[in-house]
C-alpha atoms as a PDB file:
ATOM      1  CA  MET A   1       0.310  -3.960   7.726  1.00  0.00           C
ATOM      2  CA  SER A   2       3.336  -3.171   5.603  1.00  0.00           C
ATOM      3  CA  ILE A   3       2.408  -5.538   3.165  1.00  0.00           C
ATOM      4  CA  TRP A   4      -1.283  -3.632   2.632  1.00  0.00           C
ATOM      5  CA  ILE A   5       0.729  -0.496   2.106  1.00  0.00           C
ATOM      6  CA  PHE A   6       3.139  -2.244  -0.174  1.00  0.00           C
ATOM      7  CA  PHE A   7       0.087  -3.071  -2.419  1.00  0.00           C
ATOM      8  CA  ALA A   8      -1.615   0.250  -2.182  1.00  0.00           C
ATOM      9  CA  ALA A   9       1.398   1.753  -3.577  1.00  0.00           C
ATOM     10  CA  LEU A  10       1.794  -0.456  -6.059  1.00  0.00           C
ATOM     11  CA  ILE A  11      -1.872  -0.566  -7.352  1.00  0.00           C
ATOM     12  CA  ASP A  12      -1.426   3.421  -7.243  1.00  0.00           C
ATOM     13  CA  LEU A  13       1.553   3.114  -9.429  1.00  0.00           C
ATOM     14  CA  ILE A  14      -0.474   0.953 -11.510  1.00  0.00           C
ATOM     15  CA  TRP A  15      -3.253   3.589 -11.877  1.00  0.00           C
ATOM     16  CA  LEU A  16      -0.848   6.617 -12.545  1.00  0.00           C
ATOM     17  CA  ILE A  17       2.024   5.390 -14.470  1.00  0.00           C
ATOM     18  CA  LEU A  18       0.879   2.346 -16.658  1.00  0.00           C
ATOM     19  CA  PRO A  19      -1.791   3.491 -18.836  1.00  0.00           C
ATOM     20  CA  ALA A  20       0.311   6.290 -20.264  1.00  0.00           C
ATOM     21  CA  TYR A  21       3.172   4.238 -20.528  1.00  0.00           C
ATOM     22  CA  SER A  22       1.863   0.669 -21.817  1.00  0.00           C
ATOM     23  CA  THR A  23       0.712   0.258 -25.562  1.00  0.00           C
ATOM     24  CA  GLY A  24      -0.721  -2.705 -25.000  1.00  0.00           C
ATOM     25  CA  GLY A  25      -3.725  -4.085 -23.012  1.00  0.00           C
ATOM     26  CA  PHE A  26      -2.388  -5.965 -20.616  1.00  0.00           C
ATOM     27  CA  ILE A  27      -1.723  -4.433 -17.174  1.00  0.00           C
ATOM     28  CA  PHE A  28       1.377  -6.870 -16.102  1.00  0.00           C
ATOM     29  CA  GLY A  29       4.002  -7.661 -18.530  1.00  0.00           C
ATOM     30  CA  TRP A  30       6.994  -9.910 -18.432  1.00  0.00           C
ATOM     31  CA  ILE A  31       8.925  -7.384 -16.824  1.00  0.00           C
ATOM     32  CA  GLU A  32       7.108  -6.670 -14.153  1.00  0.00           C
ATOM     33  CA  ILE A  33       6.210 -10.814 -13.294  1.00  0.00           C
ATOM     34  CA  GLY A  34       9.830 -11.225 -13.564  1.00  0.00           C
ATOM     35  CA  PHE A  35      10.511  -8.430 -10.583  1.00  0.00           C
ATOM     36  CA  ILE A  36       8.447  -9.714  -8.226  1.00  0.00           C
ATOM     37  CA  VAL A  37       9.782 -13.815  -9.264  1.00  0.00           C
ATOM     38  CA  LEU A  38      12.975 -11.986  -8.942  1.00  0.00           C
ATOM     39  CA  GLY A  39      12.604 -10.121  -5.573  1.00  0.00           C
ATOM     40  CA  LEU A  40      10.695 -13.303  -4.177  1.00  0.00           C
ATOM     41  CA  GLY A  41      13.743 -15.469  -5.445  1.00  0.00           C
ATOM     42  CA  ILE A  42      16.427 -13.463  -3.698  1.00  0.00           C
ATOM     43  CA  VAL A  43      14.660 -13.324  -0.609  1.00  0.00           C
ATOM     44  CA  MET A  44      14.209 -17.195  -0.642  1.00  0.00           C
ATOM     45  CA  VAL A  45      17.569 -17.200  -1.282  1.00  0.00           C
ATOM     46  CA  MET A  46      19.018 -15.156   1.532  1.00  0.00           C
ATOM     47  CA  PHE A  47      16.646 -16.720   3.868  1.00  0.00           C
ATOM     48  CA  SER A  48      18.123 -20.065   3.220  1.00  0.00           C
ATOM     49  CA  LEU A  49      21.672 -19.089   3.117  1.00  0.00           C
ATOM     50  CA  LYS A  50      21.025 -17.896   6.622  1.00  0.00           C
ATOM     51  CA  ALA A  51      19.130 -20.361   8.032  1.00  0.00           C
ATOM     52  CA  LYS A  52      21.882 -22.980   6.995  1.00  0.00           C
ATOM     53  CA  LYS A  53      24.113 -20.679   9.026  1.00  0.00           C
ATOM     54  CA  GLU A  54      22.715 -19.970  12.160  1.00  0.00           C
ATOM     55  CA  ASN A  55      20.206 -21.885  14.462  1.00  0.00           C
ATOM     56  CA  LEU A  56      16.447 -21.473  13.617  1.00  0.00           C
ATOM     57  CA  ILE A  57      15.878 -22.424  17.307  1.00  0.00           C
ATOM     58  CA  PRO A  58      17.315 -20.894  20.380  1.00  0.00           C
ATOM     59  CA  ILE A  59      20.121 -23.237  21.738  1.00  0.00           C
ATOM     60  CA  GLY A  60      20.715 -22.779  25.211  1.00  0.00           C
ATOM     61  CA  ASP A  61      18.008 -20.488  26.106  1.00  0.00           C
ATOM     62  CA  PRO A  62      16.305 -21.937  29.802  1.00  0.00           C
ATOM     63  CA  LYS A  63      12.718 -21.584  28.489  1.00  0.00           C
ATOM     64  CA  LEU A  64      12.681 -23.428  25.467  1.00  0.00           C
ATOM     65  CA  GLN A  65      11.686 -26.860  26.991  1.00  0.00           C
ATOM     66  CA  ARG A  66       8.563 -25.097  28.759  1.00  0.00           C
ATOM     67  CA  GLY A  67       7.634 -23.280  25.331  1.00  0.00           C
ATOM     68  CA  ILE A  68       7.882 -26.211  23.473  1.00  0.00           C
ATOM     69  CA  ASN A  69       5.427 -28.010  25.774  1.00  0.00           C
ATOM     70  CA  PHE A  70       2.785 -25.127  26.519  1.00  0.00           C
ATOM     71  CA  ARG A  71      -0.301 -26.300  25.887  1.00  0.00           C
ATOM     72  CA  LEU A  72      -3.749 -24.100  26.251  1.00  0.00           C
END
């Protein structure tokens, strides 16, 4: 739901602000694409740094083995 709201807000900004601001025929320029790439890159770097420091699997969980072996 949050992704849907994010894209709806982005489309709203593009619809209201960008036509008055932009002089070219393109909707997205290198700045808009660069900010998206920068944001995704920061999230990926932060996740990789956090994943190196901490365990992604809950070590010491008494129900871990039962959860791994679970089948429907």
